[in-house]
Each structure stands twice: as C-alpha cells, then as structure tokens.
C-alpha cells in the first residue's frame, strides 16, 4: 500500500463538526492548520495499527504554514481525508520528523 499516493489522490477533506471543535478546545489546532499539514513538505505518513479496529486509521507528522509541528490522526473516506485528532508533536515525534527531514534533504 502506497499511503503517500492514497493521500495525494484525495480530493479534499471530510470534517466531522465535533472533531473541528474538539481539536480546537483540547489542543488549539484549527481545521485549516490540519489541512495545511497535508499540503506541506515533508509529510510523514504511517498506518496506525493500534487504533484501526473499525476502520483503517493513519497518522501524519507535518508542519503548518506558521511552522507548527503537528501530529494528525485521520482516516480516508471515499476520496477524502477525514481528520480525527490533531495536536502538537511530542518530543519523540519531533525527533522522528527531524530525522526524516535530514533523510529527504540528502
């Protein structure tokens, strides 16, 4: 499975009204910051096996236009990205992201 291709072929976003407010209330992440992450580079994508009981879930590590490093869990519904949760990257995630950036710059 080429997750990068699947995400690249998506035609937009499918927002659940509850998740838009939850992400803002819990982590002060706006819906447009989430969308910016998917349009930026580098974007790391992986399957979230631990949380994929009912449907396949994925997560992304990326950066918003303002330079905010974000972790976003999401699923794909049809040809749309459906964000579930968004927050700032943890220390460990920032290290993974930084290491991957070095690899893509080489």
PDB file of N, CA and C in Angstrom:
ATOM      1  N   UNK A   1       0.845  -1.179   0.000  1.00  0.00           N
ATOM      2  CA  UNK A   1       0.000   0.000   0.000  1.00  0.00           C
ATOM      3  C   UNK A   1       0.892   1.245   0.000  1.00  0.00           C
ATOM      4  N   UNK A   2       0.629   2.132  -0.923  1.00  0.00           N
ATOM      5  CA  UNK A   2       1.379   3.382  -1.003  1.00  0.00           C
ATOM      6  C   UNK A   2       0.521   4.499  -0.400  1.00  0.00           C
ATOM      7  N   UNK A   3       0.704   4.719   0.894  1.00  0.00           N
ATOM      8  CA  UNK A   3      -0.105   5.713   1.608  1.00  0.00           C
ATOM      9  C   UNK A   3       0.104   7.117   1.055  1.00  0.00           C
ATOM     10  N   UNK A   4       1.331   7.429   0.657  1.00  0.00           N
ATOM     11  CA  UNK A   4       1.587   8.750   0.070  1.00  0.00           C
ATOM     12  C   UNK A   4       0.723   8.976  -1.171  1.00  0.00           C
ATOM     13  N   UNK A   5       0.606   7.960  -1.985  1.00  0.00           N
ATOM     14  CA  UNK A   5      -0.210   8.082  -3.201  1.00  0.00           C
ATOM     15  C   UNK A   5      -1.696   8.199  -2.859  1.00  0.00           C
ATOM     16  N   UNK A   6      -2.142   7.403  -1.903  1.00  0.00           N
ATOM     17  CA  UNK A   6      -3.553   7.455  -1.493  1.00  0.00           C
ATOM     18  C   UNK A   6      -3.906   8.864  -1.021  1.00  0.00           C
ATOM     19  N   UNK A   7      -3.075   9.440  -0.174  1.00  0.00           N
ATOM     20  CA  UNK A   7      -3.341  10.791   0.345  1.00  0.00           C
ATOM     21  C   UNK A   7      -3.254  11.815  -0.783  1.00  0.00           C
ATOM     22  N   UNK A   8      -2.251  11.685  -1.644  1.00  0.00           N
ATOM     23  CA  UNK A   8      -2.073  12.620  -2.756  1.00  0.00           C
ATOM     24  C   UNK A   8      -3.288  12.594  -3.695  1.00  0.00           C
ATOM     25  N   UNK A   9      -3.922  11.426  -3.841  1.00  0.00           N
ATOM     26  CA  UNK A   9      -5.074  11.289  -4.732  1.00  0.00           C
ATOM     27  C   UNK A   9      -6.387  11.755  -4.098  1.00  0.00           C
ATOM     28  N   UNK A  10      -6.358  12.102  -2.820  1.00  0.00           N
ATOM     29  CA  UNK A  10      -7.576  12.599  -2.166  1.00  0.00           C
ATOM     30  C   UNK A  10      -7.974  13.946  -2.768  1.00  0.00           C
ATOM     31  N   UNK A  11      -9.285  14.180  -2.781  1.00  0.00           N
ATOM     32  CA  UNK A  11      -9.807  15.384  -3.419  1.00  0.00           C
ATOM     33  C   UNK A  11     -10.200  16.480  -2.422  1.00  0.00           C
ATOM     34  N   UNK A  12      -9.991  16.241  -1.152  1.00  0.00           N
ATOM     35  CA  UNK A  12     -10.354  17.247  -0.160  1.00  0.00           C
ATOM     36  C   UNK A  12     -10.444  16.634   1.223  1.00  0.00           C
ATOM     37  N   UNK A  13     -11.194  17.317   2.077  1.00  0.00           N
ATOM     38  CA  UNK A  13     -11.312  16.919   3.474  1.00  0.00           C
ATOM     39  C   UNK A  13     -12.771  16.716   3.830  1.00  0.00           C
ATOM     40  N   UNK A  14     -13.000  15.797   4.752  1.00  0.00           N
ATOM     41  CA  UNK A  14     -14.341  15.480   5.246  1.00  0.00           C
ATOM     42  C   UNK A  14     -14.303  15.723   6.751  1.00  0.00           C
ATOM     43  N   UNK A  15     -14.807  16.867   7.182  1.00  0.00           N
ATOM     44  CA  UNK A  15     -14.732  17.248   8.598  1.00  0.00           C
ATOM     45  C   UNK A  15     -15.979  16.865   9.360  1.00  0.00           C
ATOM     46  N   UNK A  16     -15.788  16.230  10.487  1.00  0.00           N
ATOM     47  CA  UNK A  16     -16.849  15.997  11.449  1.00  0.00           C
ATOM     48  C   UNK A  16     -16.906  17.243  12.332  1.00  0.00           C
ATOM     49  N   UNK A  17     -18.067  17.833  12.468  1.00  0.00           N
ATOM     50  CA  UNK A  17     -18.211  19.084  13.230  1.00  0.00           C
ATOM     51  C   UNK A  17     -17.687  18.956  14.665  1.00  0.00           C
ATOM     52  N   UNK A  18     -17.899  17.807  15.270  1.00  0.00           N
ATOM     53  CA  UNK A  18     -17.420  17.580  16.637  1.00  0.00           C
ATOM     54  C   UNK A  18     -15.889  17.637  16.692  1.00  0.00           C
ATOM     55  N   UNK A  19     -15.213  16.988  15.714  1.00  0.00           N
ATOM     56  CA  UNK A  19     -13.756  16.956  15.726  1.00  0.00           C
ATOM     57  C   UNK A  19     -13.132  18.328  15.497  1.00  0.00           C
ATOM     58  N   UNK A  20     -13.772  19.154  14.700  1.00  0.00           N
ATOM     59  CA  UNK A  20     -13.258  20.517  14.497  1.00  0.00           C
ATOM     60  C   UNK A  20     -13.184  21.229  15.845  1.00  0.00           C
ATOM     61  N   UNK A  21     -14.253  21.165  16.609  1.00  0.00           N
ATOM     62  CA  UNK A  21     -14.299  21.852  17.906  1.00  0.00           C
ATOM     63  C   UNK A  21     -13.415  21.164  18.939  1.00  0.00           C
ATOM     64  N   UNK A  22     -13.385  19.832  18.930  1.00  0.00           N
ATOM     65  CA  UNK A  22     -12.573  19.079  19.886  1.00  0.00           C
ATOM     66  C   UNK A  22     -11.091  19.427  19.713  1.00  0.00           C
ATOM     67  N   UNK A  23     -10.619  19.455  18.484  1.00  0.00           N
ATOM     68  CA  UNK A  23      -9.205  19.766  18.243  1.00  0.00           C
ATOM     69  C   UNK A  23      -8.857  21.182  18.692  1.00  0.00           C
ATOM     70  N   UNK A  24      -9.776  22.103  18.513  1.00  0.00           N
ATOM     71  CA  UNK A  24      -9.523  23.471  18.961  1.00  0.00           C
ATOM     72  C   UNK A  24      -9.573  23.550  20.488  1.00  0.00           C
ATOM     73  N   UNK A  25     -10.622  22.972  21.081  1.00  0.00           N
ATOM     74  CA  UNK A  25     -10.798  23.048  22.533  1.00  0.00           C
ATOM     75  C   UNK A  25      -9.664  22.353  23.300  1.00  0.00           C
ATOM     76  N   UNK A  26      -9.221  21.199  22.831  1.00  0.00           N
ATOM     77  CA  UNK A  26      -8.199  20.436  23.549  1.00  0.00           C
ATOM     78  C   UNK A  26      -6.769  20.876  23.240  1.00  0.00           C
ATOM     79  N   UNK A  27      -6.519  21.261  21.980  1.00  0.00           N
ATOM     80  CA  UNK A  27      -5.135  21.482  21.560  1.00  0.00           C
ATOM     81  C   UNK A  27      -4.904  22.802  20.812  1.00  0.00           C
ATOM     82  N   UNK A  28      -5.945  23.605  20.652  1.00  0.00           N
ATOM     83  CA  UNK A  28      -5.870  24.862  19.913  1.00  0.00           C
ATOM     84  C   UNK A  28      -5.302  24.665  18.512  1.00  0.00           C
ATOM     85  N   UNK A  29      -5.760  23.596  17.852  1.00  0.00           N
ATOM     86  CA  UNK A  29      -5.393  23.334  16.463  1.00  0.00           C
ATOM     87  C   UNK A  29      -6.638  23.604  15.619  1.00  0.00           C
ATOM     88  N   UNK A  30      -6.530  24.519  14.691  1.00  0.00           N
ATOM     89  CA  UNK A  30      -7.656  24.867  13.825  1.00  0.00           C
ATOM     90  C   UNK A  30      -7.746  23.894  12.651  1.00  0.00           C
ATOM     91  N   UNK A  31      -8.902  23.854  12.034  1.00  0.00           N
ATOM     92  CA  UNK A  31      -9.102  22.955  10.902  1.00  0.00           C
ATOM     93  C   UNK A  31      -8.185  23.321   9.745  1.00  0.00           C
ATOM     94  N   UNK A  32      -7.947  24.615   9.542  1.00  0.00           N
ATOM     95  CA  UNK A  32      -7.100  24.997   8.412  1.00  0.00           C
ATOM     96  C   UNK A  32      -5.630  24.641   8.654  1.00  0.00           C
ATOM     97  N   UNK A  33      -5.187  24.645   9.921  1.00  0.00           N
ATOM     98  CA  UNK A  33      -3.822  24.185  10.213  1.00  0.00           C
ATOM     99  C   UNK A  33      -3.675  22.705   9.861  1.00  0.00           C
ATOM    100  N   UNK A  34      -4.693  21.915  10.174  1.00  0.00           N
ATOM    101  CA  UNK A  34      -4.662  20.482   9.827  1.00  0.00           C
ATOM    102  C   UNK A  34      -4.523  20.314   8.317  1.00  0.00           C
ATOM    103  N   UNK A  35      -5.305  21.043   7.569  1.00  0.00           N
ATOM    104  CA  UNK A  35      -5.260  20.925   6.114  1.00  0.00           C
ATOM    105  C   UNK A  35      -3.902  21.374   5.566  1.00  0.00           C
ATOM    106  N   UNK A  36      -3.324  22.425   6.148  1.00  0.00           N
ATOM    107  CA  UNK A  36      -2.011  22.915   5.697  1.00  0.00           C
ATOM    108  C   UNK A  36      -0.940  21.834   5.807  1.00  0.00           C
ATOM    109  N   UNK A  37      -1.011  21.036   6.871  1.00  0.00           N
ATOM    110  CA  UNK A  37      -0.020  19.980   7.087  1.00  0.00           C
ATOM    111  C   UNK A  37       0.014  19.027   5.896  1.00  0.00           C
ATOM    112  N   UNK A  38      -1.153  18.674   5.367  1.00  0.00           N
ATOM    113  CA  UNK A  38      -1.213  17.723   4.257  1.00  0.00           C
ATOM    114  C   UNK A  38      -0.712  18.324   2.941  1.00  0.00           C
ATOM    115  N   UNK A  39      -0.611  19.637   2.885  1.00  0.00           N
ATOM    116  CA  UNK A  39      -0.146  20.300   1.668  1.00  0.00           C
ATOM    117  C   UNK A  39       1.335  20.652   1.739  1.00  0.00           C
ATOM    118  N   UNK A  40       1.949  20.475   2.911  1.00  0.00           N
ATOM    119  CA  UNK A  40       3.346  20.847   3.108  1.00  0.00           C
ATOM    120  C   UNK A  40       4.308  19.693   2.920  1.00  0.00           C
ATOM    121  N   UNK A  41       5.571  20.022   2.953  1.00  0.00           N
ATOM    122  CA  UNK A  41       6.652  19.037   2.840  1.00  0.00           C
ATOM    123  C   UNK A  41       7.678  19.313   3.917  1.00  0.00           C
ATOM    124  N   UNK A  42       8.330  18.295   4.458  1.00  0.00           N
ATOM    125  CA  UNK A  42       7.985  16.891   4.262  1.00  0.00           C
ATOM    126  C   UNK A  42       6.752  16.511   5.069  1.00  0.00           C
ATOM    127  N   UNK A  43       6.071  15.520   4.591  1.00  0.00           N
ATOM    128  CA  UNK A  43       4.897  14.975   5.265  1.00  0.00           C
ATOM    129  C   UNK A  43       5.150  13.490   5.485  1.00  0.00           C
ATOM    130  N   UNK A  44       5.184  13.086   6.742  1.00  0.00           N
ATOM    131  CA  UNK A  44       5.365  11.676   7.068  1.00  0.00           C
ATOM    132  C   UNK A  44       4.002  11.057   7.310  1.00  0.00           C
ATOM    133  N   UNK A  45       3.781   9.900   6.727  1.00  0.00           N
ATOM    134  CA  UNK A  45       2.505   9.203   6.852  1.00  0.00           C
ATOM    135  C   UNK A  45       2.760   7.768   7.271  1.00  0.00           C
ATOM    136  N   UNK A  46       1.894   7.243   8.134  1.00  0.00           N
ATOM    137  CA  UNK A  46       2.010   5.852   8.565  1.00  0.00           C
ATOM    138  C   UNK A  46       0.644   5.321   8.969  1.00  0.00           C
ATOM    139  N   UNK A  47       0.512   4.008   8.902  1.00  0.00           N
ATOM    140  CA  UNK A  47      -0.720   3.360   9.350  1.00  0.00           C
ATOM    141  C   UNK A  47      -0.706   3.286  10.869  1.00  0.00           C
ATOM    142  N   UNK A  48      -1.845   3.547  11.474  1.00  0.00           N
ATOM    143  CA  UNK A  48      -1.999   3.470  12.930  1.00  0.00           C
ATOM    144  C   UNK A  48      -2.684   2.151  13.254  1.00  0.00           C
ATOM    145  N   UNK A  49      -1.895   1.105  13.313  1.00  0.00           N
ATOM    146  CA  UNK A  49      -2.427  -0.246  13.506  1.00  0.00           C
ATOM    147  C   UNK A  49      -3.152  -0.371  14.844  1.00  0.00           C
ATOM    148  N   UNK A  50      -2.609   0.268  15.869  1.00  0.00           N
ATOM    149  CA  UNK A  50      -3.184   0.166  17.216  1.00  0.00           C
ATOM    150  C   UNK A  50      -4.629   0.678  17.277  1.00  0.00           C
ATOM    151  N   UNK A  51      -4.962   1.697  16.477  1.00  0.00           N
ATOM    152  CA  UNK A  51      -6.295   2.304  16.538  1.00  0.00           C
ATOM    153  C   UNK A  51      -7.152   1.982  15.316  1.00  0.00           C
ATOM    154  N   UNK A  52      -6.842   0.912  14.605  1.00  0.00           N
ATOM    155  CA  UNK A  52      -7.557   0.585  13.370  1.00  0.00           C
ATOM    156  C   UNK A  52      -8.538  -0.571  13.548  1.00  0.00           C
ATOM    157  N   UNK A  53      -9.310  -0.566  14.615  1.00  0.00           N
ATOM    158  CA  UNK A  53     -10.236  -1.672  14.845  1.00  0.00           C
ATOM    159  C   UNK A  53     -11.423  -1.638  13.875  1.00  0.00           C
ATOM    160  N   UNK A  54     -12.143  -0.529  13.805  1.00  0.00           N
ATOM    161  CA  UNK A  54     -13.346  -0.462  12.975  1.00  0.00           C
ATOM    162  C   UNK A  54     -13.047  -0.055  11.539  1.00  0.00           C
ATOM    163  N   UNK A  55     -12.076   0.807  11.361  1.00  0.00           N
ATOM    164  CA  UNK A  55     -11.653   1.221  10.021  1.00  0.00           C
ATOM    165  C   UNK A  55     -10.171   1.549  10.074  1.00  0.00           C
ATOM    166  N   UNK A  56      -9.515   1.514   8.928  1.00  0.00           N
ATOM    167  CA  UNK A  56      -8.085   1.817   8.903  1.00  0.00           C
ATOM    168  C   UNK A  56      -7.865   3.268   9.299  1.00  0.00           C
ATOM    169  N   UNK A  57      -6.936   3.442  10.230  1.00  0.00           N
ATOM    170  CA  UNK A  57      -6.549   4.785  10.645  1.00  0.00           C
ATOM    171  C   UNK A  57      -5.079   4.996  10.338  1.00  0.00           C
ATOM    172  N   UNK A  58      -4.764   6.238  10.142  1.00  0.00           N
ATOM    173  CA  UNK A  58      -3.404   6.620   9.794  1.00  0.00           C
ATOM    174  C   UNK A  58      -3.020   7.825  10.652  1.00  0.00           C
ATOM    175  N   UNK A  59      -1.731   8.167  10.610  1.00  0.00           N
ATOM    176  CA  UNK A  59      -1.317   9.415  11.236  1.00  0.00           C
ATOM    177  C   UNK A  59      -0.289  10.094  10.357  1.00  0.00           C
ATOM    178  N   UNK A  60      -0.200  11.391  10.531  1.00  0.00           N
ATOM    179  CA  UNK A  60       0.760  12.182   9.779  1.00  0.00           C
ATOM    180  C   UNK A  60       1.555  13.046  10.747  1.00  0.00           C
ATOM    181  N   UNK A  61       2.784  13.287  10.369  1.00  0.00           N
ATOM    182  CA  UNK A  61       3.631  14.260  11.050  1.00  0.00           C
ATOM    183  C   UNK A  61       3.981  15.294   9.987  1.00  0.00           C
ATOM    184  N   UNK A  62       3.680  16.543  10.282  1.00  0.00           N
ATOM    185  CA  UNK A  62       3.947  17.594   9.309  1.00  0.00           C
ATOM    186  C   UNK A  62       3.978  18.951   9.958  1.00  0.00           C
ATOM    187  N   UNK A  63       4.118  19.959   9.132  1.00  0.00           N
ATOM    188  CA  UNK A  63       4.286  21.319   9.630  1.00  0.00           C
ATOM    189  C   UNK A  63       3.271  22.241   8.960  1.00  0.00           C
ATOM    190  N   UNK A  64       2.681  23.126   9.758  1.00  0.00           N
ATOM    191  CA  UNK A  64       1.710  24.085   9.225  1.00  0.00           C
ATOM    192  C   UNK A  64       2.458  25.246   8.570  1.00  0.00           C
ATOM    193  N   UNK A  65       1.724  26.111   7.901  1.00  0.00           N
ATOM    194  CA  UNK A  65       2.337  27.275   7.248  1.00  0.00           C
ATOM    195  C   UNK A  65       3.037  28.188   8.246  1.00  0.00           C
ATOM    196  N   UNK A  66       2.583  28.179   9.494  1.00  0.00           N
ATOM    197  CA  UNK A  66       3.188  29.018  10.538  1.00  0.00           C
ATOM    198  C   UNK A  66       4.365  28.323  11.232  1.00  0.00           C
ATOM    199  N   UNK A  67       4.686  27.105  10.790  1.00  0.00           N
ATOM    200  CA  UNK A  67       5.816  26.383  11.363  1.00  0.00           C
ATOM    201  C   UNK A  67       5.474  25.510  12.556  1.00  0.00           C
ATOM    202  N   UNK A  68       4.214  25.308  12.808  1.00  0.00           N
ATOM    203  CA  UNK A  68       3.784  24.472  13.931  1.00  0.00           C
ATOM    204  C   UNK A  68       3.873  23.009  13.525  1.00  0.00           C
ATOM    205  N   UNK A  69       4.582  22.215  14.313  1.00  0.00           N
ATOM    206  CA  UNK A  69       4.757  20.788  14.029  1.00  0.00           C
ATOM    207  C   UNK A  69       3.603  20.025  14.647  1.00  0.00           C
ATOM    208  N   UNK A  70       2.826  19.356  13.782  1.00  0.00           N
ATOM    209  CA  UNK A  70       1.596  18.720  14.226  1.00  0.00           C
ATOM    210  C   UNK A  70       1.561  17.224  13.936  1.00  0.00           C
ATOM    211  N   UNK A  71       0.899  16.501  14.839  1.00  0.00           N
ATOM    212  CA  UNK A  71       0.542  15.096  14.693  1.00  0.00           C
ATOM    213  C   UNK A  71      -0.947  15.077  14.391  1.00  0.00           C
ATOM    214  N   UNK A  72      -1.342  14.396  13.314  1.00  0.00           N
ATOM    215  CA  UNK A  72      -2.761  14.323  12.958  1.00  0.00           C
ATOM    216  C   UNK A  72      -3.133  12.874  12.699  1.00  0.00           C
ATOM    217  N   UNK A  73      -4.132  12.385  13.418  1.00  0.00           N
ATOM    218  CA  UNK A  73      -4.669  11.059  13.110  1.00  0.00           C
ATOM    219  C   UNK A  73      -5.851  11.283  12.160  1.00  0.00           C
ATOM    220  N   UNK A  74      -6.004  10.347  11.219  1.00  0.00           N
ATOM    221  CA  UNK A  74      -7.047  10.516  10.208  1.00  0.00           C
ATOM    222  C   UNK A  74      -7.405   9.179   9.600  1.00  0.00           C
ATOM    223  N   UNK A  75      -8.489   9.185   8.857  1.00  0.00           N
ATOM    224  CA  UNK A  75      -8.901   8.047   8.060  1.00  0.00           C
ATOM    225  C   UNK A  75      -9.206   8.565   6.663  1.00  0.00           C
ATOM    226  N   UNK A  76      -9.415   7.665   5.743  1.00  0.00           N
ATOM    227  CA  UNK A  76      -9.789   8.039   4.379  1.00  0.00           C
ATOM    228  C   UNK A  76     -11.210   7.546   4.158  1.00  0.00           C
ATOM    229  N   UNK A  77     -12.079   8.438   3.767  1.00  0.00           N
ATOM    230  CA  UNK A  77     -13.467   8.073   3.453  1.00  0.00           C
ATOM    231  C   UNK A  77     -13.730   8.488   2.015  1.00  0.00           C
ATOM    232  N   UNK A  78     -13.963   7.504   1.175  1.00  0.00           N
ATOM    233  CA  UNK A  78     -14.096   7.792  -0.257  1.00  0.00           C
ATOM    234  C   UNK A  78     -12.752   8.305  -0.744  1.00  0.00           C
ATOM    235  N   UNK A  79     -12.752   9.502  -1.268  1.00  0.00           N
ATOM    236  CA  UNK A  79     -11.505  10.129  -1.727  1.00  0.00           C
ATOM    237  C   UNK A  79     -11.211  11.371  -0.902  1.00  0.00           C
ATOM    238  N   UNK A  80     -11.596  11.336   0.375  1.00  0.00           N
ATOM    239  CA  UNK A  80     -11.375  12.494   1.237  1.00  0.00           C
ATOM    240  C   UNK A  80     -10.656  12.096   2.514  1.00  0.00           C
ATOM    241  N   UNK A  81      -9.827  13.012   2.988  1.00  0.00           N
ATOM    242  CA  UNK A  81      -9.126  12.841   4.263  1.00  0.00           C
ATOM    243  C   UNK A  81     -10.091  13.271   5.362  1.00  0.00           C
ATOM    244  N   UNK A  82     -10.291  12.408   6.353  1.00  0.00           N
ATOM    245  CA  UNK A  82     -11.174  12.736   7.478  1.00  0.00           C
ATOM    246  C   UNK A  82     -10.325  12.803   8.746  1.00  0.00           C
ATOM    247  N   UNK A  83      -9.899  14.029   9.130  1.00  0.00           N
ATOM    248  CA  UNK A  83      -9.113  14.182  10.365  1.00  0.00           C
ATOM    249  C   UNK A  83      -9.922  13.768  11.584  1.00  0.00           C
ATOM    250  N   UNK A  84      -9.255  13.079  12.495  1.00  0.00           N
ATOM    251  CA  UNK A  84      -9.888  12.622  13.720  1.00  0.00           C
ATOM    252  C   UNK A  84      -9.386  13.427  14.907  1.00  0.00           C
ATOM    253  N   UNK A  85      -8.070  13.563  14.984  1.00  0.00           N
ATOM    254  CA  UNK A  85      -7.460  14.259  16.109  1.00  0.00           C
ATOM    255  C   UNK A  85      -6.209  14.989  15.626  1.00  0.00           C
ATOM    256  N   UNK A  86      -5.945  16.145  16.212  1.00  0.00           N
ATOM    257  CA  UNK A  86      -4.754  16.924  15.858  1.00  0.00           C
ATOM    258  C   UNK A  86      -4.187  17.547  17.124  1.00  0.00           C
ATOM    259  N   UNK A  87      -2.851  17.511  17.220  1.00  0.00           N
ATOM    260  CA  UNK A  87      -2.172  18.082  18.382  1.00  0.00           C
ATOM    261  C   UNK A  87      -0.737  18.389  17.993  1.00  0.00           C
ATOM    262  N   UNK A  88      -0.037  19.095  18.884  1.00  0.00           N
ATOM    263  CA  UNK A  88       1.381  19.330  18.669  1.00  0.00           C
ATOM    264  C   UNK A  88       2.125  18.005  18.767  1.00  0.00           C
ATOM    265  N   UNK A  89       3.211  17.880  18.002  1.00  0.00           N
ATOM    266  CA  UNK A  89       4.032  16.669  18.075  1.00  0.00           C
ATOM    267  C   UNK A  89       4.664  16.551  19.453  1.00  0.00           C
ATOM    268  N   UNK A  90       4.817  15.316  19.902  1.00  0.00           N
ATOM    269  CA  UNK A  90       5.552  15.044  21.137  1.00  0.00           C
ATOM    270  C   UNK A  90       7.051  15.200  20.852  1.00  0.00           C
ATOM    271  N   UNK A  91       7.851  15.171  21.901  1.00  0.00           N
ATOM    272  CA  UNK A  91       9.306  15.263  21.741  1.00  0.00           C
ATOM    273  C   UNK A  91       9.821  14.139  20.830  1.00  0.00           C
ATOM    274  N   UNK A  92       9.342  12.926  21.064  1.00  0.00           N
ATOM    275  CA  UNK A  92       9.757  11.774  20.261  1.00  0.00           C
ATOM    276  C   UNK A  92       9.347  11.959  18.794  1.00  0.00           C
ATOM    277  N   UNK A  93       8.135  12.434  18.568  1.00  0.00           N
ATOM    278  CA  UNK A  93       7.651  12.654  17.199  1.00  0.00           C
ATOM    279  C   UNK A  93       8.445  13.756  16.501  1.00  0.00           C
ATOM    280  N   UNK A  94       8.811  14.809  17.229  1.00  0.00           N
ATOM    281  CA  UNK A  94       9.638  15.878  16.645  1.00  0.00           C
ATOM    282  C   UNK A  94      10.992  15.329  16.190  1.00  0.00           C
ATOM    283  N   UNK A  95      11.563  14.408  16.986  1.00  0.00           N
ATOM    284  CA  UNK A  95      12.846  13.787  16.617  1.00  0.00           C
ATOM    285  C   UNK A  95      12.688  12.949  15.358  1.00  0.00           C
ATOM    286  N   UNK A  96      11.642  12.147  15.290  1.00  0.00           N
ATOM    287  CA  UNK A  96      11.381  11.324  14.104  1.00  0.00           C
ATOM    288  C   UNK A  96      11.221  12.225  12.882  1.00  0.00           C
ATOM    289  N   UNK A  97      10.469  13.305  13.041  1.00  0.00           N
ATOM    290  CA  UNK A  97      10.230  14.236  11.935  1.00  0.00           C
ATOM    291  C   UNK A  97      11.539  14.896  11.498  1.00  0.00           C
ATOM    292  N   UNK A  98      12.335  15.339  12.448  1.00  0.00           N
ATOM    293  CA  UNK A  98      13.615  15.989  12.128  1.00  0.00           C
ATOM    294  C   UNK A  98      14.544  15.005  11.411  1.00  0.00           C
ATOM    295  N   UNK A  99      14.596  13.769  11.886  1.00  0.00           N
ATOM    296  CA  UNK A  99      15.445  12.765  11.255  1.00  0.00           C
ATOM    297  C   UNK A  99      15.004  12.483   9.819  1.00  0.00           C
ATOM    298  N   UNK A 100      13.696  12.450   9.593  1.00  0.00           N
ATOM    299  CA  UNK A 100      13.191  12.179   8.251  1.00  0.00           C
ATOM    300  C   UNK A 100      13.481  13.346   7.313  1.00  0.00           C
ATOM    301  N   UNK A 101      13.460  14.550   7.860  1.00  0.00           N
ATOM    302  CA  UNK A 101      13.745  15.740   7.062  1.00  0.00           C
ATOM    303  C   UNK A 101      15.198  15.704   6.587  1.00  0.00           C
ATOM    304  N   UNK A 102      16.089  15.256   7.443  1.00  0.00           N
ATOM    305  CA  UNK A 102      17.500  15.131   7.067  1.00  0.00           C
ATOM    306  C   UNK A 102      17.629  14.118   5.927  1.00  0.00           C
ATOM    307  N   UNK A 103      16.910  13.002   6.039  1.00  0.00           N
ATOM    308  CA  UNK A 103      16.958  11.964   5.008  1.00  0.00           C
ATOM    309  C   UNK A 103      16.422  12.476   3.676  1.00  0.00           C
ATOM    310  N   UNK A 104      15.339  13.256   3.675  1.00  0.00           N
ATOM    311  CA  UNK A 104      14.758  13.740   2.426  1.00  0.00           C
ATOM    312  C   UNK A 104      15.606  14.858   1.823  1.00  0.00           C
ATOM    313  N   UNK A 105      16.371  15.572   2.646  1.00  0.00           N
ATOM    314  CA  UNK A 105      17.242  16.631   2.137  1.00  0.00           C
ATOM    315  C   UNK A 105      18.495  16.058   1.482  1.00  0.00           C
ATOM    316  N   UNK A 106      18.848  14.812   1.826  1.00  0.00           N
ATOM    317  CA  UNK A 106      20.084  14.206   1.304  1.00  0.00           C
ATOM    318  C   UNK A 106      19.945  13.792  -0.140  1.00  0.00           C
TER     319      UNK A 106
END
